[in-house]
Amino acid sequence: MKAEELWVGALVVDEDTQRVGRVMGREGPYVQLRPPGGGREWDADPTRLRRANDGEKVRAGILGLPLAYVEGVT
């Protein structure tokens, strides 16, 4: 995934773990992700991330939220 797509709040899929996560920041070469509903952060390789699609957002339980919140728009 391109660096400009990894803004804080973006919803991505970690292809190594198949988990949906919200970008929380960066630490060294890694991107920190957190489950959309909260929980423990994990480090992910930014080259193994992609944007979450609508089906993945539904499975993560967040598609029912206002779109501005889901996409991190304020």
Protein backbone atom coordinates (compact mmCIF):
# COMPACT_ATOMS: atom_id res chain seq x y z
CA MET A 1 0.00 0.00 0.00
CA LYS A 2 1.26 3.49 -0.76
CA ALA A 3 2.40 5.58 2.20
CA GLU A 4 -0.15 8.34 1.44
CA GLU A 5 -2.98 5.81 1.83
CA LEU A 6 -1.83 4.88 5.34
CA TRP A 7 -3.26 7.92 7.11
CA VAL A 8 -4.29 7.61 10.75
CA GLY A 9 -7.84 6.26 10.87
CA ALA A 10 -7.70 4.37 7.55
CA LEU A 11 -9.24 0.90 7.60
CA VAL A 12 -6.94 -1.70 6.17
CA VAL A 13 -6.50 -5.46 6.00
CA ASP A 14 -3.27 -6.98 7.23
CA GLU A 15 -2.72 -9.70 4.64
CA ASP A 16 -0.40 -11.60 7.00
CA THR A 17 -3.10 -12.03 9.67
CA GLN A 18 -6.27 -11.41 7.57
CA ARG A 19 -7.42 -8.95 10.25
CA VAL A 20 -9.09 -5.60 9.66
CA GLY A 21 -7.39 -2.79 11.52
CA ARG A 22 -7.51 0.96 11.88
CA VAL A 23 -4.18 2.71 11.29
CA MET A 24 -3.03 4.27 14.56
CA GLY A 25 0.44 5.43 13.56
CA ARG A 26 3.91 4.30 12.57
CA GLU A 27 6.85 3.02 14.56
CA GLY A 28 10.05 2.52 12.61
CA PRO A 29 9.33 0.38 9.55
CA TYR A 30 5.95 -0.80 10.88
CA VAL A 31 2.40 0.52 10.91
CA GLN A 32 0.44 0.14 14.15
CA LEU A 33 -3.07 -1.23 13.71
CA ARG A 34 -5.88 -1.62 16.20
CA PRO A 35 -9.11 -3.60 15.81
CA PRO A 36 -11.94 -1.20 14.78
CA GLY A 37 -13.91 -1.94 17.96
CA GLY A 38 -10.87 -1.40 20.16
CA GLY A 39 -8.33 -3.77 21.55
CA ARG A 40 -4.65 -4.44 21.47
CA GLU A 41 -2.54 -2.84 18.74
CA TRP A 42 -0.29 -4.89 16.53
CA ASP A 43 2.59 -4.04 14.21
CA ALA A 44 2.15 -4.69 10.50
CA ASP A 45 4.37 -4.55 7.46
CA PRO A 46 3.05 -1.64 5.35
CA THR A 47 3.79 -3.58 2.15
CA ARG A 48 1.33 -6.29 3.30
CA LEU A 49 -1.62 -3.90 3.88
CA ARG A 50 -4.54 -3.08 1.60
CA ARG A 51 -7.75 -1.03 1.97
CA ALA A 52 -10.63 -2.92 3.56
CA ASN A 53 -13.57 -3.53 1.21
CA ASP A 54 -17.23 -3.20 2.23
CA GLY A 55 -17.57 -6.92 3.00
CA GLU A 56 -14.60 -6.80 5.33
CA LYS A 57 -16.00 -3.70 7.01
CA VAL A 58 -19.32 -5.50 7.58
CA ARG A 59 -17.52 -8.49 9.11
CA ALA A 60 -15.55 -6.11 11.34
CA GLY A 61 -18.88 -4.70 12.55
CA ILE A 62 -18.33 -1.11 11.48
CA LEU A 63 -20.27 -0.60 8.25
CA GLY A 64 -23.37 0.50 10.17
CA LEU A 65 -21.50 3.53 11.55
CA PRO A 66 -21.68 6.90 9.77
CA LEU A 67 -19.40 6.85 6.74
CA ALA A 68 -17.38 9.84 7.99
CA TYR A 69 -16.43 7.86 11.11
CA VAL A 70 -15.71 4.64 9.24
CA GLU A 71 -13.39 6.37 6.78
CA GLY A 72 -11.86 8.70 9.38
CA VAL A 73 -13.19 11.88 7.80
CA THR A 74 -13.78 14.72 10.27
